[in-house]
């Protein structure tokens, strides 16, 4: 089963590390562990492992509301 590696439980340094990986470089074990845990949490809640378009839209709205003006 494929799961997203970029999970909301990652820290900013972990996200930066993930984004800086070379094409064939595997993600670090600590990032994989967090991604698996988050995917299991979503599955247990009856949700798909990848965010739905509705969830993505809500996250964008929330981020736009929280932007400093």
Protein backbone atom coordinates (compact mmCIF):
# COMPACT_ATOMS: atom_id res chain seq x y z
CA UNK A 1 0.00 0.00 0.00
CA UNK A 2 1.31 3.43 -0.87
CA UNK A 3 1.06 6.12 1.78
CA UNK A 4 1.98 9.80 1.73
CA UNK A 5 5.38 10.52 3.22
CA UNK A 6 4.56 14.19 3.73
CA UNK A 7 2.37 14.00 6.82
CA UNK A 8 1.15 16.85 9.05
CA UNK A 9 2.99 15.30 11.99
CA UNK A 10 6.41 16.09 10.48
CA UNK A 11 8.50 18.93 11.86
CA UNK A 12 9.79 21.70 9.61
CA UNK A 13 13.33 20.22 9.59
CA UNK A 14 11.87 16.82 8.62
CA UNK A 15 9.87 18.41 5.80
CA UNK A 16 12.97 20.20 4.55
CA UNK A 17 14.94 16.95 4.67
CA UNK A 18 12.21 15.14 2.76
CA UNK A 19 12.10 17.85 0.10
CA UNK A 20 15.88 17.80 -0.32
CA UNK A 21 16.18 14.04 -1.00
CA UNK A 22 17.65 12.95 -4.33
CA UNK A 23 15.41 11.01 -6.75
CA UNK A 24 16.41 7.52 -5.64
CA UNK A 25 17.24 8.38 -2.03
CA UNK A 26 14.88 6.71 0.46
CA UNK A 27 13.33 8.82 3.20
CA UNK A 28 14.89 8.57 6.66
CA UNK A 29 13.44 5.93 8.98
CA UNK A 30 12.07 8.52 11.44
CA UNK A 31 10.04 10.17 8.67
CA UNK A 32 8.75 6.79 7.45
CA UNK A 33 7.76 5.88 11.02
CA UNK A 34 5.72 9.09 11.38
CA UNK A 35 4.12 8.63 7.95
CA UNK A 36 3.08 5.06 8.78
CA UNK A 37 1.67 6.11 12.15
CA UNK A 38 -0.35 8.91 10.56
CA UNK A 39 -1.64 6.60 7.80
CA UNK A 40 -2.72 4.03 10.41
CA UNK A 41 -4.53 6.76 12.34
CA UNK A 42 -6.45 7.79 9.21
CA UNK A 43 -7.31 4.18 8.36
CA UNK A 44 -8.56 3.61 11.92
CA UNK A 45 -10.78 6.69 11.53
CA UNK A 46 -12.24 5.27 8.32
CA UNK A 47 -10.46 7.80 6.12
CA UNK A 48 -8.27 7.22 3.07
CA UNK A 49 -4.53 7.54 3.69
CA UNK A 50 -4.29 10.46 1.24
CA UNK A 51 -6.14 13.70 1.98
CA UNK A 52 -9.36 14.18 0.07
CA UNK A 53 -9.89 17.28 -2.10
CA UNK A 54 -12.28 18.59 0.56
CA UNK A 55 -9.64 18.23 3.30
CA UNK A 56 -7.06 19.94 1.10
CA UNK A 57 -9.43 22.84 0.41
CA UNK A 58 -10.14 23.27 4.13
CA UNK A 59 -6.41 23.30 4.90
CA UNK A 60 -5.82 25.99 2.27
CA UNK A 61 -8.71 28.06 3.63
CA UNK A 62 -7.38 27.73 7.18
CA UNK A 63 -3.88 28.73 6.07
CA UNK A 64 -5.22 31.79 4.22
CA UNK A 65 -7.26 32.86 7.25
CA UNK A 66 -4.22 32.55 9.52
CA UNK A 67 -1.94 34.65 7.26
CA UNK A 68 -0.87 37.94 8.83
CA UNK A 69 -2.30 40.93 7.03
